[in-house]
Amino acid sequence: MARTTLGVVAGLAAWVTVAIVAGLIMRAAWPEYASVADAMTFTLPMMSARLAIGALATLVTGLVTAAIAGRSLAARLIAGALLLVVFIPQHVMLWDKFPVWYHLTFLLSLVPLTYVGGKMAEARALVPSKA
C-alpha cells in the first residue's frame, strides 16, 4: 500500500512538473502564445500544443506511478482518477474559454493516458517486481 501511495503522489508531482516546465518553455519560445496566455484567447495551434503538453504530462504520470508502485492497476487508475477530479472543476470554470471538444479531449484522456504511461513503464522494464 505504501508503494501505491508513493507512486500516485510521485506521479501527480510529475504531472505538475512536466506541465509547468513545458508551459514555461512554450511561453518563452512562442511570443504569440505568451501574449494571449493570461486572457486565454488561444488559437487552434495553441490549444493543440496545450493538449499535447497535457497528454505528455499524463503519460509521464502513469510512467512514474508504475515505476514506483509496480504493476498495480489500482495505482494507475487512482492517479488518473485524481487528475480527473482535480481538473473537472477547473474546466467547468473555464468552460466558456475553450470549445467543448477541447474540454472533452483533455478530460477524457486523463485516465486512459495514465494507464498507457504505466504500460510504457512496463515495456521499458522500469516497473519493479512485486515485493
Protein backbone atom coordinates (compact mmCIF):
# COMPACT_ATOMS: atom_id res chain seq x y z
CA MET A 1 0.00 0.00 0.00
CA ALA A 2 2.86 2.39 0.77
CA ARG A 3 4.37 1.91 -2.69
CA THR A 4 0.99 2.52 -4.27
CA THR A 5 0.52 5.76 -2.35
CA LEU A 6 4.08 6.90 -3.04
CA GLY A 7 3.67 6.03 -6.72
CA VAL A 8 0.44 8.01 -7.03
CA VAL A 9 1.88 11.04 -5.22
CA ALA A 10 5.08 10.96 -7.28
CA GLY A 11 3.07 10.54 -10.47
CA LEU A 12 0.91 13.56 -9.68
CA ALA A 13 4.00 15.60 -8.79
CA ALA A 14 5.47 14.58 -12.14
CA TRP A 15 2.33 15.85 -13.90
CA VAL A 16 2.68 19.25 -12.26
CA THR A 17 6.40 19.41 -13.02
CA VAL A 18 6.06 18.47 -16.69
CA ALA A 19 3.14 20.85 -17.22
CA ILE A 20 4.89 23.80 -15.54
CA VAL A 21 8.22 23.29 -17.30
CA ALA A 22 6.61 22.72 -20.71
CA GLY A 23 4.33 25.72 -20.21
CA LEU A 24 7.28 27.96 -19.34
CA ILE A 25 9.20 26.72 -22.36
CA MET A 26 6.20 27.33 -24.60
CA ARG A 27 5.77 30.87 -23.28
CA ALA A 28 9.47 31.61 -23.79
CA ALA A 29 9.66 30.07 -27.25
CA TRP A 30 6.32 31.28 -28.62
CA PRO A 31 5.81 35.03 -28.07
CA GLU A 32 2.34 34.97 -29.63
CA TYR A 33 1.29 32.31 -27.11
CA ALA A 34 2.75 34.27 -24.22
CA SER A 35 0.88 37.40 -25.34
CA VAL A 36 -2.54 35.71 -25.13
CA ALA A 37 -1.92 33.28 -22.26
CA ASP A 38 -3.36 35.44 -19.49
CA ALA A 39 -6.51 36.17 -21.49
CA MET A 40 -6.68 32.51 -22.62
CA THR A 41 -7.60 33.53 -26.16
CA PHE A 42 -5.70 30.71 -27.82
CA THR A 43 -5.63 29.83 -31.49
CA LEU A 44 -6.18 26.25 -32.65
CA PRO A 45 -2.42 25.54 -32.82
CA MET A 46 -2.04 26.93 -29.30
CA MET A 47 -4.87 24.78 -27.97
CA SER A 48 -3.34 21.77 -29.71
CA ALA A 49 0.02 22.50 -28.08
CA ARG A 50 -1.64 22.78 -24.68
CA LEU A 51 -3.38 19.44 -25.21
CA ALA A 52 -0.06 17.88 -26.26
CA ILE A 53 1.56 19.12 -23.05
CA GLY A 54 -1.34 17.69 -21.06
CA ALA A 55 -1.02 14.36 -22.84
CA LEU A 56 2.74 14.23 -22.23
CA ALA A 57 2.30 15.12 -18.56
CA THR A 58 -0.39 12.46 -18.19
CA LEU A 59 1.74 9.77 -19.84
CA VAL A 60 4.60 10.69 -17.51
CA THR A 61 2.21 10.44 -14.56
CA GLY A 62 1.42 6.84 -15.47
CA LEU A 63 5.06 6.04 -16.13
CA VAL A 64 6.25 7.44 -12.79
CA THR A 65 3.36 5.89 -10.90
CA ALA A 66 4.10 2.45 -12.34
CA ALA A 67 7.86 2.82 -11.90
CA ILE A 68 7.27 3.22 -8.16
CA ALA A 69 4.05 1.30 -7.49
CA GLY A 70 4.80 -1.64 -9.74
CA ARG A 71 2.19 -3.40 -11.82
CA SER A 72 -0.64 -2.04 -9.68
CA LEU A 73 -3.55 -1.27 -11.96
CA ALA A 74 -5.20 0.44 -8.99
CA ALA A 75 -2.32 2.91 -8.65
CA ARG A 76 -2.57 3.94 -12.29
CA LEU A 77 -6.33 4.26 -12.16
CA ILE A 78 -6.20 6.22 -8.91
CA ALA A 79 -3.66 8.65 -10.36
CA GLY A 80 -5.77 9.15 -13.48
CA ALA A 81 -8.98 9.48 -11.48
CA LEU A 82 -7.40 12.06 -9.17
CA LEU A 83 -6.31 14.09 -12.18
CA LEU A 84 -9.88 13.94 -13.42
CA VAL A 85 -11.28 15.00 -10.03
CA VAL A 86 -8.87 17.94 -9.90
CA PHE A 87 -9.44 19.09 -13.47
CA ILE A 88 -13.22 18.78 -13.81
CA PRO A 89 -13.87 21.86 -11.62
CA GLN A 90 -11.12 23.76 -13.44
CA HIS A 91 -12.67 23.02 -16.81
CA VAL A 92 -16.14 23.91 -15.55
CA MET A 93 -14.80 27.32 -14.51
CA LEU A 94 -13.11 27.75 -17.90
CA TRP A 95 -15.96 26.27 -19.94
CA ASP A 96 -16.61 29.43 -21.97
CA LYS A 97 -12.89 29.95 -22.75
CA PHE A 98 -12.49 26.79 -24.84
CA PRO A 99 -14.58 24.76 -27.29
CA VAL A 100 -16.33 21.66 -25.98
CA TRP A 101 -14.01 19.36 -27.96
CA TYR A 102 -11.03 20.81 -26.09
CA HIS A 103 -12.51 20.09 -22.67
CA LEU A 104 -13.63 16.61 -23.67
CA THR A 105 -10.30 15.73 -25.27
CA PHE A 106 -8.39 16.75 -22.18
CA LEU A 107 -10.71 15.28 -19.56
CA LEU A 108 -11.49 12.02 -21.32
CA SER A 109 -7.80 11.33 -21.95
CA LEU A 110 -6.62 11.55 -18.34
CA VAL A 111 -7.40 8.02 -17.14
CA PRO A 112 -6.52 6.20 -20.39
CA LEU A 113 -3.22 8.06 -20.86
CA THR A 114 -2.23 7.41 -17.25
CA TYR A 115 -2.83 3.72 -17.90
CA VAL A 116 -0.84 3.84 -21.16
CA GLY A 117 2.03 5.61 -19.40
CA GLY A 118 2.11 2.74 -16.91
CA LYS A 119 2.20 0.23 -19.74
CA MET A 120 5.11 2.18 -21.25
CA ALA A 121 6.97 1.79 -17.95
CA GLU A 122 6.32 -1.96 -18.04
CA ALA A 123 7.52 -2.19 -21.64
CA ARG A 124 10.75 -0.41 -20.71
CA ALA A 125 11.24 -2.66 -17.67
CA LEU A 126 11.00 0.33 -15.32
CA VAL A 127 8.41 -1.41 -13.17
CA PRO A 128 9.75 -3.02 -10.01
CA SER A 129 8.93 -6.63 -9.34
CA LYS A 130 6.39 -7.41 -6.66
CA ALA A 131 7.83 -7.01 -3.20
